[in-house]
Every structure is written in structure tokens, then in C-alpha cells.
Amino acid sequence: MAKRYWAQLIEMDEEVEAASIPGASDHESAADAIVTDFVGAMGGAITSGAVRVWVEGGASKTYDWSAEFELPEDSGLDDDEDIEVEGEIVLTERMG
């Protein structure tokens, strides 16, 4: 049976429900998946935080995360045009 990973954004102003992360292969991929979804849903308004990830019935790991965005250099775009932003989630595991 495959391991079931759970993740929860922590240290937020409001408590965020834990979520099962389908298809996660390890703690880090589960953390990346929930943070990517969260940053997308927030439109990039929140760019750092912490996430706790655990295997059902197993050990947990906590990661600090930050989202780094790269805006395209085409600054002459109309305000009505959608801009495609490249982004990367950086995870740093907390030790101890």
C-alpha cells in the first residue's frame, strides 16, 4: 500500500485545514504541492511561510518555504494582457 502524505500550512493568521496530498512520493513533494496550490490561489500575495508534512501514522517534517517569481522583461504590455510569471518554490527543512 502506498504511503499517504498529509500537509498543513502552519504559522498563518488563520488556521488552515490539513489536506491529503495525492501522488506525493515523499515529504518534500507533498510540501511543494500544497505550497504551489496555495501560492496560486493567493495570486502570489503571500510569498513565504511554513508547512508541516507527515505520513499517516508516521513522522512529520516541517519546512520553511518561499516563492520566488521572475517577471518577464516585456514591460510594454497592455494592462489588459495576462502576464505569464515564472515561479519557483524553495523549501528548507527545519532541523531539530
Protein backbone atom coordinates (compact mmCIF):
# COMPACT_ATOMS: atom_id res chain seq x y z
CA MET A 1 0.00 0.00 0.00
CA ALA A 2 1.34 3.43 -0.92
CA LYS A 3 2.10 5.91 1.80
CA ARG A 4 -0.47 8.66 2.26
CA TYR A 5 1.06 12.09 2.83
CA TRP A 6 -0.71 14.91 4.62
CA ALA A 7 0.32 18.57 4.68
CA GLN A 8 -0.79 21.66 6.55
CA LEU A 9 0.28 25.26 6.17
CA ILE A 10 1.24 26.48 9.64
CA GLU A 11 2.07 29.79 11.35
CA MET A 12 -0.71 31.55 9.44
CA ASP A 13 -3.07 34.23 10.80
CA GLU A 14 -5.94 31.77 10.40
CA GLU A 15 -5.72 28.00 10.84
CA VAL A 16 -5.53 26.09 7.59
CA GLU A 17 -7.03 22.59 7.35
CA ALA A 18 -4.65 19.69 6.76
CA ALA A 19 -5.03 18.08 3.35
CA SER A 20 -4.18 14.69 1.92
CA ILE A 21 -1.73 15.12 -0.97
CA PRO A 22 -2.45 12.58 -3.72
CA GLY A 23 0.51 11.39 -5.75
CA ALA A 24 3.16 12.64 -3.31
CA SER A 25 6.24 10.42 -3.28
CA ASP A 26 7.92 11.94 -0.22
CA HIS A 27 7.62 14.71 2.38
CA GLU A 28 9.21 17.32 0.12
CA SER A 29 6.97 16.63 -2.89
CA ALA A 30 3.90 16.86 -0.64
CA ALA A 31 5.15 20.19 0.76
CA ASP A 32 5.83 21.53 -2.74
CA ALA A 33 2.37 20.50 -3.95
CA ILE A 34 0.41 22.21 -1.16
CA VAL A 35 2.55 25.38 -1.26
CA THR A 36 2.27 25.64 -5.05
CA ASP A 37 -1.53 25.35 -4.84
CA PHE A 38 -1.68 27.91 -2.01
CA VAL A 39 0.54 30.48 -3.74
CA GLY A 40 -1.50 30.09 -6.93
CA ALA A 41 -4.78 30.54 -5.07
CA MET A 42 -3.43 33.67 -3.35
CA GLY A 43 -2.22 35.13 -6.65
CA GLY A 44 1.29 35.41 -5.27
CA ALA A 45 0.20 37.78 -2.49
CA ILE A 46 1.81 35.56 0.17
CA THR A 47 5.36 34.51 -0.70
CA SER A 48 6.70 32.80 2.41
CA GLY A 49 5.60 30.65 5.31
CA ALA A 50 5.90 27.21 6.84
CA VAL A 51 4.36 23.82 6.12
CA ARG A 52 4.21 20.62 8.16
CA VAL A 53 4.10 17.30 6.29
CA TRP A 54 3.57 13.82 7.68
CA VAL A 55 2.83 10.28 6.63
CA GLU A 56 -0.38 8.87 8.03
CA GLY A 57 0.73 7.19 11.27
CA GLY A 58 4.35 8.31 10.78
CA ALA A 59 6.90 11.01 11.41
CA SER A 60 6.44 14.63 10.38
CA LYS A 61 8.81 17.16 8.83
CA THR A 62 8.48 20.94 8.84
CA TYR A 63 9.70 23.15 6.02
CA ASP A 64 10.07 26.90 5.71
CA TRP A 65 9.10 27.94 2.20
CA SER A 66 9.42 30.95 -0.06
CA ALA A 67 8.08 31.62 -3.51
CA GLU A 68 10.43 33.39 -5.89
CA PHE A 69 8.92 34.96 -9.00
CA GLU A 70 10.53 36.14 -12.20
CA LEU A 71 8.56 38.72 -14.15
CA PRO A 72 9.03 38.89 -17.92
CA GLU A 73 11.10 41.79 -19.23
CA ASP A 74 8.37 42.91 -21.65
CA SER A 75 7.27 45.92 -19.64
CA GLY A 76 5.40 47.40 -22.62
CA LEU A 77 2.42 45.08 -22.22
CA ASP A 78 -1.10 46.44 -22.02
CA ASP A 79 -2.75 46.34 -18.60
CA ASP A 80 -5.45 44.06 -20.05
CA GLU A 81 -2.94 41.42 -21.18
CA ASP A 82 -2.26 38.43 -18.96
CA ILE A 83 1.37 38.17 -17.93
CA GLU A 84 2.90 34.73 -17.55
CA VAL A 85 5.03 34.72 -14.42
CA GLU A 86 7.68 32.09 -13.81
CA GLY A 87 7.95 30.98 -10.21
CA GLU A 88 9.83 28.58 -8.02
CA ILE A 89 9.06 27.26 -4.56
CA VAL A 90 12.12 26.98 -2.31
CA LEU A 91 11.79 24.57 0.63
CA THR A 92 14.17 24.49 3.60
CA GLU A 93 13.71 21.68 6.09
CA ARG A 94 13.78 22.72 9.73
CA MET A 95 16.17 20.66 11.80
CA GLY A 96 15.61 19.76 15.42
